[in-house]
Amino acid sequence: MKIDGIKKLGEMRGKVREDLEHIPRGHFEQNMLREYYWVERMNSLGKKSENPNASREDILEKAIENIKRDNPHFDPEFDRGYFKI
């Protein structure tokens, strides 16, 4: 991996870590939300992204939908001031 690629990866991780500061840890489903968000957000920021224009809100909404598919009563916790949903 080139130096530029390593730098880009570090920047991507930094953005996603900042986002995760606004999605608290918690019970199993809440932690699944964080995990799903991490994977999808990293993908959206990458060179080979299938959806490079996805916002952090788009990713969070998708993550919530996926968790609710199996757990319809899931009530996600996140900073509603940071994520404009």
PDB file of N, CA and C in Angstrom:
ATOM      1  N   MET A   1       0.852  -1.177   0.000  1.00  0.00           N
ATOM      2  CA  MET A   1       0.000   0.000   0.000  1.00  0.00           C
ATOM      3  C   MET A   1       0.898   1.240   0.000  1.00  0.00           C
ATOM      4  N   LYS A   2       0.575   2.173  -0.830  1.00  0.00           N
ATOM      5  CA  LYS A   2       1.347   3.401  -0.906  1.00  0.00           C
ATOM      6  C   LYS A   2       1.095   4.283   0.310  1.00  0.00           C
ATOM      7  N   ILE A   3       2.006   5.219   0.546  1.00  0.00           N
ATOM      8  CA  ILE A   3       1.881   6.145   1.663  1.00  0.00           C
ATOM      9  C   ILE A   3       0.577   6.925   1.581  1.00  0.00           C
ATOM     10  N   ASP A   4       0.193   7.370   0.375  1.00  0.00           N
ATOM     11  CA  ASP A   4      -1.053   8.107   0.207  1.00  0.00           C
ATOM     12  C   ASP A   4      -2.250   7.261   0.624  1.00  0.00           C
ATOM     13  N   GLY A   5      -2.219   5.975   0.287  1.00  0.00           N
ATOM     14  CA  GLY A   5      -3.303   5.069   0.655  1.00  0.00           C
ATOM     15  C   GLY A   5      -3.405   4.896   2.155  1.00  0.00           C
ATOM     16  N   ILE A   6      -2.278   4.804   2.819  1.00  0.00           N
ATOM     17  CA  ILE A   6      -2.252   4.657   4.281  1.00  0.00           C
ATOM     18  C   ILE A   6      -2.786   5.930   4.929  1.00  0.00           C
ATOM     19  N   LYS A   7      -2.374   7.077   4.390  1.00  0.00           N
ATOM     20  CA  LYS A   7      -2.851   8.353   4.925  1.00  0.00           C
ATOM     21  C   LYS A   7      -4.364   8.467   4.749  1.00  0.00           C
ATOM     22  N   LYS A   8      -4.867   8.106   3.586  1.00  0.00           N
ATOM     23  CA  LYS A   8      -6.296   8.161   3.296  1.00  0.00           C
ATOM     24  C   LYS A   8      -7.066   7.246   4.248  1.00  0.00           C
ATOM     25  N   LEU A   9      -6.558   6.026   4.467  1.00  0.00           N
ATOM     26  CA  LEU A   9      -7.207   5.087   5.372  1.00  0.00           C
ATOM     27  C   LEU A   9      -7.279   5.665   6.787  1.00  0.00           C
ATOM     28  N   GLY A  10      -6.198   6.289   7.226  1.00  0.00           N
ATOM     29  CA  GLY A  10      -6.181   6.921   8.545  1.00  0.00           C
ATOM     30  C   GLY A  10      -7.205   8.041   8.653  1.00  0.00           C
ATOM     31  N   GLU A  11      -7.344   8.816   7.593  1.00  0.00           N
ATOM     32  CA  GLU A  11      -8.332   9.902   7.578  1.00  0.00           C
ATOM     33  C   GLU A  11      -9.750   9.333   7.633  1.00  0.00           C
ATOM     34  N   MET A  12      -9.985   8.267   6.878  1.00  0.00           N
ATOM     35  CA  MET A  12     -11.304   7.631   6.877  1.00  0.00           C
ATOM     36  C   MET A  12     -11.646   7.114   8.281  1.00  0.00           C
ATOM     37  N   ARG A  13     -10.704   6.423   8.883  1.00  0.00           N
ATOM     38  CA  ARG A  13     -10.932   5.889  10.237  1.00  0.00           C
ATOM     39  C   ARG A  13     -11.199   7.014  11.233  1.00  0.00           C
ATOM     40  N   GLY A  14     -10.479   8.115  11.087  1.00  0.00           N
ATOM     41  CA  GLY A  14     -10.681   9.264  11.968  1.00  0.00           C
ATOM     42  C   GLY A  14     -12.091   9.823  11.856  1.00  0.00           C
ATOM     43  N   LYS A  15     -12.593   9.944  10.621  1.00  0.00           N
ATOM     44  CA  LYS A  15     -13.959  10.441  10.419  1.00  0.00           C
ATOM     45  C   LYS A  15     -14.980   9.514  11.061  1.00  0.00           C
ATOM     46  N   VAL A  16     -14.796   8.223  10.846  1.00  0.00           N
ATOM     47  CA  VAL A  16     -15.769   7.261  11.365  1.00  0.00           C
ATOM     48  C   VAL A  16     -15.702   7.198  12.890  1.00  0.00           C
ATOM     49  N   ARG A  17     -14.509   7.271  13.448  1.00  0.00           N
ATOM     50  CA  ARG A  17     -14.379   7.298  14.920  1.00  0.00           C
ATOM     51  C   ARG A  17     -15.086   8.518  15.493  1.00  0.00           C
ATOM     52  N   GLU A  18     -14.949   9.665  14.818  1.00  0.00           N
ATOM     53  CA  GLU A  18     -15.636  10.874  15.267  1.00  0.00           C
ATOM     54  C   GLU A  18     -17.150  10.660  15.241  1.00  0.00           C
ATOM     55  N   ASP A  19     -17.649  10.058  14.178  1.00  0.00           N
ATOM     56  CA  ASP A  19     -19.085   9.757  14.090  1.00  0.00           C
ATOM     57  C   ASP A  19     -19.518   8.845  15.234  1.00  0.00           C
ATOM     58  N   LEU A  20     -18.716   7.820  15.520  1.00  0.00           N
ATOM     59  CA  LEU A  20     -19.082   6.846  16.555  1.00  0.00           C
ATOM     60  C   LEU A  20     -19.110   7.459  17.953  1.00  0.00           C
ATOM     61  N   GLU A  21     -18.464   8.591  18.141  1.00  0.00           N
ATOM     62  CA  GLU A  21     -18.557   9.284  19.424  1.00  0.00           C
ATOM     63  C   GLU A  21     -19.992   9.743  19.680  1.00  0.00           C
ATOM     64  N   HIS A  22     -20.804   9.775  18.631  1.00  0.00           N
ATOM     65  CA  HIS A  22     -22.189  10.239  18.728  1.00  0.00           C
ATOM     66  C   HIS A  22     -23.200   9.091  18.652  1.00  0.00           C
ATOM     67  N   ILE A  23     -22.675   7.860  18.678  1.00  0.00           N
ATOM     68  CA  ILE A  23     -23.509   6.648  18.753  1.00  0.00           C
ATOM     69  C   ILE A  23     -22.973   5.857  19.945  1.00  0.00           C
ATOM     70  N   PRO A  24     -23.625   5.959  21.097  1.00  0.00           N
ATOM     71  CA  PRO A  24     -23.067   5.331  22.301  1.00  0.00           C
ATOM     72  C   PRO A  24     -23.097   3.805  22.262  1.00  0.00           C
ATOM     73  N   ARG A  25     -22.198   3.220  23.036  1.00  0.00           N
ATOM     74  CA  ARG A  25     -22.209   1.774  23.246  1.00  0.00           C
ATOM     75  C   ARG A  25     -23.412   1.448  24.117  1.00  0.00           C
ATOM     76  N   GLY A  26     -23.800   0.194  24.116  1.00  0.00           N
ATOM     77  CA  GLY A  26     -24.939  -0.193  24.945  1.00  0.00           C
ATOM     78  C   GLY A  26     -25.187  -1.673  24.882  1.00  0.00           C
ATOM     79  N   HIS A  27     -26.461  -2.032  24.820  1.00  0.00           N
ATOM     80  CA  HIS A  27     -26.863  -3.434  24.760  1.00  0.00           C
ATOM     81  C   HIS A  27     -26.502  -4.014  23.391  1.00  0.00           C
ATOM     82  N   PHE A  28     -26.798  -5.275  23.207  1.00  0.00           N
ATOM     83  CA  PHE A  28     -26.371  -6.002  22.010  1.00  0.00           C
ATOM     84  C   PHE A  28     -26.755  -5.291  20.716  1.00  0.00           C
ATOM     85  N   GLU A  29     -28.022  -4.911  20.565  1.00  0.00           N
ATOM     86  CA  GLU A  29     -28.467  -4.279  19.325  1.00  0.00           C
ATOM     87  C   GLU A  29     -27.794  -2.930  19.105  1.00  0.00           C
ATOM     88  N   GLN A  30     -27.588  -2.183  20.170  1.00  0.00           N
ATOM     89  CA  GLN A  30     -26.921  -0.886  20.057  1.00  0.00           C
ATOM     90  C   GLN A  30     -25.479  -1.074  19.577  1.00  0.00           C
ATOM     91  N   ASN A  31     -24.822  -2.075  20.090  1.00  0.00           N
ATOM     92  CA  ASN A  31     -23.454  -2.361  19.656  1.00  0.00           C
ATOM     93  C   ASN A  31     -23.420  -2.871  18.215  1.00  0.00           C
ATOM     94  N   MET A  32     -24.446  -3.614  17.826  1.00  0.00           N
ATOM     95  CA  MET A  32     -24.559  -4.046  16.430  1.00  0.00           C
ATOM     96  C   MET A  32     -24.720  -2.830  15.512  1.00  0.00           C
ATOM     97  N   LEU A  33     -25.477  -1.851  15.968  1.00  0.00           N
ATOM     98  CA  LEU A  33     -25.652  -0.618  15.197  1.00  0.00           C
ATOM     99  C   LEU A  33     -24.302   0.050  14.965  1.00  0.00           C
ATOM    100  N   ARG A  34     -23.503   0.147  16.012  1.00  0.00           N
ATOM    101  CA  ARG A  34     -22.174   0.748  15.888  1.00  0.00           C
ATOM    102  C   ARG A  34     -21.294  -0.042  14.918  1.00  0.00           C
ATOM    103  N   GLU A  35     -21.346  -1.364  15.028  1.00  0.00           N
ATOM    104  CA  GLU A  35     -20.534  -2.212  14.154  1.00  0.00           C
ATOM    105  C   GLU A  35     -20.963  -2.053  12.696  1.00  0.00           C
ATOM    106  N   TYR A  36     -22.258  -2.109  12.468  1.00  0.00           N
ATOM    107  CA  TYR A  36     -22.776  -1.966  11.109  1.00  0.00           C
ATOM    108  C   TYR A  36     -22.411  -0.587  10.557  1.00  0.00           C
ATOM    109  N   TYR A  37     -22.558   0.439  11.390  1.00  0.00           N
ATOM    110  CA  TYR A  37     -22.236   1.799  10.951  1.00  0.00           C
ATOM    111  C   TYR A  37     -20.765   1.878  10.528  1.00  0.00           C
ATOM    112  N   TRP A  38     -19.873   1.324  11.347  1.00  0.00           N
ATOM    113  CA  TRP A  38     -18.435   1.365  11.045  1.00  0.00           C
ATOM    114  C   TRP A  38     -18.154   0.779   9.659  1.00  0.00           C
ATOM    115  N   VAL A  39     -18.654  -0.415   9.405  1.00  0.00           N
ATOM    116  CA  VAL A  39     -18.379  -1.111   8.149  1.00  0.00           C
ATOM    117  C   VAL A  39     -18.938  -0.327   6.970  1.00  0.00           C
ATOM    118  N   GLU A  40     -20.187   0.076   7.056  1.00  0.00           N
ATOM    119  CA  GLU A  40     -20.831   0.763   5.931  1.00  0.00           C
ATOM    120  C   GLU A  40     -20.253   2.154   5.688  1.00  0.00           C
ATOM    121  N   ARG A  41     -19.920   2.864   6.753  1.00  0.00           N
ATOM    122  CA  ARG A  41     -19.361   4.213   6.592  1.00  0.00           C
ATOM    123  C   ARG A  41     -17.961   4.141   5.996  1.00  0.00           C
ATOM    124  N   MET A  42     -17.156   3.194   6.448  1.00  0.00           N
ATOM    125  CA  MET A  42     -15.820   3.025   5.874  1.00  0.00           C
ATOM    126  C   MET A  42     -15.942   2.704   4.387  1.00  0.00           C
ATOM    127  N   ASN A  43     -16.879   1.829   4.041  1.00  0.00           N
ATOM    128  CA  ASN A  43     -17.086   1.489   2.642  1.00  0.00           C
ATOM    129  C   ASN A  43     -17.499   2.715   1.836  1.00  0.00           C
ATOM    130  N   SER A  44     -18.375   3.545   2.388  1.00  0.00           N
ATOM    131  CA  SER A  44     -18.862   4.710   1.644  1.00  0.00           C
ATOM    132  C   SER A  44     -17.755   5.735   1.399  1.00  0.00           C
ATOM    133  N   LEU A  45     -16.735   5.726   2.215  1.00  0.00           N
ATOM    134  CA  LEU A  45     -15.633   6.683   2.074  1.00  0.00           C
ATOM    135  C   LEU A  45     -14.499   6.163   1.188  1.00  0.00           C
ATOM    136  N   GLY A  46     -14.527   4.872   0.885  1.00  0.00           N
ATOM    137  CA  GLY A  46     -13.449   4.253   0.121  1.00  0.00           C
ATOM    138  C   GLY A  46     -13.514   4.521  -1.374  1.00  0.00           C
ATOM    139  N   LYS A  47     -12.397   4.229  -2.057  1.00  0.00           N
ATOM    140  CA  LYS A  47     -12.287   4.443  -3.507  1.00  0.00           C
ATOM    141  C   LYS A  47     -13.275   3.597  -4.291  1.00  0.00           C
ATOM    142  N   LYS A  48     -13.541   2.395  -3.824  1.00  0.00           N
ATOM    143  CA  LYS A  48     -14.395   1.468  -4.566  1.00  0.00           C
ATOM    144  C   LYS A  48     -15.825   1.450  -4.016  1.00  0.00           C
ATOM    145  N   SER A  49     -16.242   2.526  -3.407  1.00  0.00           N
ATOM    146  CA  SER A  49     -17.558   2.599  -2.798  1.00  0.00           C
ATOM    147  C   SER A  49     -18.669   2.411  -3.826  1.00  0.00           C
ATOM    148  N   GLU A  50     -19.682   1.652  -3.427  1.00  0.00           N
ATOM    149  CA  GLU A  50     -20.860   1.497  -4.268  1.00  0.00           C
ATOM    150  C   GLU A  50     -21.768   2.709  -4.154  1.00  0.00           C
ATOM    151  N   ASN A  51     -21.627   3.464  -3.074  1.00  0.00           N
ATOM    152  CA  ASN A  51     -22.458   4.644  -2.842  1.00  0.00           C
ATOM    153  C   ASN A  51     -21.598   5.770  -2.268  1.00  0.00           C
ATOM    154  N   PRO A  52     -20.738   6.368  -3.082  1.00  0.00           N
ATOM    155  CA  PRO A  52     -19.798   7.372  -2.574  1.00  0.00           C
ATOM    156  C   PRO A  52     -20.445   8.671  -2.102  1.00  0.00           C
ATOM    157  N   ASN A  53     -21.685   8.906  -2.463  1.00  0.00           N
ATOM    158  CA  ASN A  53     -22.356  10.138  -2.052  1.00  0.00           C
ATOM    159  C   ASN A  53     -23.207   9.967  -0.802  1.00  0.00           C
ATOM    160  N   ALA A  54     -23.130   8.800  -0.174  1.00  0.00           N
ATOM    161  CA  ALA A  54     -23.921   8.547   1.029  1.00  0.00           C
ATOM    162  C   ALA A  54     -23.416   9.424   2.180  1.00  0.00           C
ATOM    163  N   SER A  55     -24.345  10.072   2.850  1.00  0.00           N
ATOM    164  CA  SER A  55     -23.999  10.892   4.009  1.00  0.00           C
ATOM    165  C   SER A  55     -23.961  10.021   5.257  1.00  0.00           C
ATOM    166  N   ARG A  56     -23.451  10.584   6.334  1.00  0.00           N
ATOM    167  CA  ARG A  56     -23.439   9.815   7.583  1.00  0.00           C
ATOM    168  C   ARG A  56     -24.867   9.501   8.023  1.00  0.00           C
ATOM    169  N   GLU A  57     -25.818  10.390   7.711  1.00  0.00           N
ATOM    170  CA  GLU A  57     -27.211  10.133   8.045  1.00  0.00           C
ATOM    171  C   GLU A  57     -27.775   8.971   7.216  1.00  0.00           C
ATOM    172  N   ASP A  58     -27.419   8.938   5.928  1.00  0.00           N
ATOM    173  CA  ASP A  58     -27.857   7.828   5.074  1.00  0.00           C
ATOM    174  C   ASP A  58     -27.379   6.491   5.633  1.00  0.00           C
ATOM    175  N   ILE A  59     -26.126   6.474   6.035  1.00  0.00           N
ATOM    176  CA  ILE A  59     -25.539   5.235   6.565  1.00  0.00           C
ATOM    177  C   ILE A  59     -26.212   4.839   7.870  1.00  0.00           C
ATOM    178  N   LEU A  60     -26.453   5.805   8.751  1.00  0.00           N
ATOM    179  CA  LEU A  60     -27.095   5.495  10.031  1.00  0.00           C
ATOM    180  C   LEU A  60     -28.519   4.989   9.807  1.00  0.00           C
ATOM    181  N   GLU A  61     -29.259   5.622   8.919  1.00  0.00           N
ATOM    182  CA  GLU A  61     -30.625   5.163   8.644  1.00  0.00           C
ATOM    183  C   GLU A  61     -30.629   3.723   8.120  1.00  0.00           C
ATOM    184  N   LYS A  62     -29.695   3.430   7.227  1.00  0.00           N
ATOM    185  CA  LYS A  62     -29.591   2.070   6.682  1.00  0.00           C
ATOM    186  C   LYS A  62     -29.249   1.075   7.788  1.00  0.00           C
ATOM    187  N   ALA A  63     -28.338   1.464   8.674  1.00  0.00           N
ATOM    188  CA  ALA A  63     -27.946   0.587   9.783  1.00  0.00           C
ATOM    189  C   ALA A  63     -29.136   0.326  10.703  1.00  0.00           C
ATOM    190  N   ILE A  64     -29.893   1.362  11.018  1.00  0.00           N
ATOM    191  CA  ILE A  64     -31.068   1.212  11.890  1.00  0.00           C
ATOM    192  C   ILE A  64     -32.095   0.291  11.234  1.00  0.00           C
ATOM    193  N   GLU A  65     -32.350   0.489   9.945  1.00  0.00           N
ATOM    194  CA  GLU A  65     -33.298  -0.365   9.224  1.00  0.00           C
ATOM    195  C   GLU A  65     -32.881  -1.832   9.291  1.00  0.00           C
ATOM    196  N   ASN A  66     -31.598  -2.088   9.109  1.00  0.00           N
ATOM    197  CA  ASN A  66     -31.118  -3.478   9.141  1.00  0.00           C
ATOM    198  C   ASN A  66     -31.259  -4.101  10.516  1.00  0.00           C
ATOM    199  N   ILE A  67     -30.999  -3.352  11.560  1.00  0.00           N
ATOM    200  CA  ILE A  67     -31.147  -3.878  12.921  1.00  0.00           C
ATOM    201  C   ILE A  67     -32.631  -4.117  13.214  1.00  0.00           C
ATOM    202  N   LYS A  68     -33.483  -3.177  12.793  1.00  0.00           N
ATOM    203  CA  LYS A  68     -34.924  -3.304  13.068  1.00  0.00           C
ATOM    204  C   LYS A  68     -35.579  -4.438  12.289  1.00  0.00           C
ATOM    205  N   ARG A  69     -34.964  -4.861  11.215  1.00  0.00           N
ATOM    206  CA  ARG A  69     -35.518  -5.970  10.447  1.00  0.00           C
ATOM    207  C   ARG A  69     -35.654  -7.215  11.331  1.00  0.00           C
ATOM    208  N   ASP A  70     -34.652  -7.467  12.167  1.00  0.00           N
ATOM    209  CA  ASP A  70     -34.687  -8.626  13.065  1.00  0.00           C
ATOM    210  C   ASP A  70     -35.175  -8.271  14.467  1.00  0.00           C
ATOM    211  N   ASN A  71     -35.124  -6.986  14.803  1.00  0.00           N
ATOM    212  CA  ASN A  71     -35.499  -6.528  16.144  1.00  0.00           C
ATOM    213  C   ASN A  71     -36.386  -5.285  16.005  1.00  0.00           C
ATOM    214  N   PRO A  72     -37.667  -5.485  15.656  1.00  0.00           N
ATOM    215  CA  PRO A  72     -38.542  -4.348  15.355  1.00  0.00           C
ATOM    216  C   PRO A  72     -38.735  -3.362  16.502  1.00  0.00           C
ATOM    217  N   HIS A  73     -38.472  -3.771  17.721  1.00  0.00           N
ATOM    218  CA  HIS A  73     -38.659  -2.879  18.865  1.00  0.00           C
ATOM    219  C   HIS A  73     -37.381  -2.135  19.245  1.00  0.00           C
ATOM    220  N   PHE A  74     -36.344  -2.303  18.432  1.00  0.00           N
ATOM    221  CA  PHE A  74     -35.065  -1.624  18.690  1.00  0.00           C
ATOM    222  C   PHE A  74     -35.257  -0.109  18.678  1.00  0.00           C
ATOM    223  N   ASP A  75     -34.809   0.535  19.740  1.00  0.00           N
ATOM    224  CA  ASP A  75     -34.874   1.994  19.856  1.00  0.00           C
ATOM    225  C   ASP A  75     -33.431   2.507  19.890  1.00  0.00           C
ATOM    226  N   PRO A  76     -32.909   2.928  18.737  1.00  0.00           N
ATOM    227  CA  PRO A  76     -31.497   3.311  18.668  1.00  0.00           C
ATOM    228  C   PRO A  76     -31.191   4.584  19.458  1.00  0.00           C
ATOM    229  N   GLU A  77     -29.997   4.598  20.013  1.00  0.00           N
ATOM    230  CA  GLU A  77     -29.502   5.789  20.703  1.00  0.00           C
ATOM    231  C   GLU A  77     -28.428   6.424  19.844  1.00  0.00           C
ATOM    232  N   PHE A  78     -28.580   7.707  19.574  1.00  0.00           N
ATOM    233  CA  PHE A  78     -27.576   8.472  18.845  1.00  0.00           C
ATOM    234  C   PHE A  78     -27.833   9.948  19.066  1.00  0.00           C
ATOM    235  N   ASP A  79     -26.830  10.748  18.821  1.00  0.00           N
ATOM    236  CA  ASP A  79     -26.898  12.190  19.003  1.00  0.00           C
ATOM    237  C   ASP A  79     -27.700  12.805  17.854  1.00  0.00           C
ATOM    238  N   ARG A  80     -28.922  13.199  18.153  1.00  0.00           N
ATOM    239  CA  ARG A  80     -29.808  13.734  17.127  1.00  0.00           C
ATOM    240  C   ARG A  80     -29.411  15.146  16.693  1.00  0.00           C
ATOM    241  N   GLY A  81     -28.539  15.773  17.419  1.00  0.00           N
ATOM    242  CA  GLY A  81     -27.995  17.059  17.008  1.00  0.00           C
ATOM    243  C   GLY A  81     -26.882  16.885  15.973  1.00  0.00           C
ATOM    244  N   TYR A  82     -26.173  15.799  16.074  1.00  0.00           N
ATOM    245  CA  TYR A  82     -25.072  15.493  15.151  1.00  0.00           C
ATOM    246  C   TYR A  82     -25.587  14.835  13.876  1.00  0.00           C
ATOM    247  N   PHE A  83     -26.458  13.838  14.057  1.00  0.00           N
ATOM    248  CA  PHE A  83     -27.065  13.149  12.913  1.00  0.00           C
ATOM    249  C   PHE A  83     -28.421  13.807  12.676  1.00  0.00           C
ATOM    250  N   LYS A  84     -28.575  14.483  11.593  1.00  0.00           N
ATOM    251  CA  LYS A  84     -29.810  15.214  11.284  1.00  0.00           C
ATOM    252  C   LYS A  84     -30.839  14.285  10.635  1.00  0.00           C
ATOM    253  N   ILE A  85     -31.414  13.421  11.469  1.00  0.00           N
ATOM    254  CA  ILE A  85     -32.426  12.470  10.974  1.00  0.00           C
ATOM    255  C   ILE A  85     -33.769  12.895  11.538  1.00  0.00           C
TER     256      ILE A  85
END
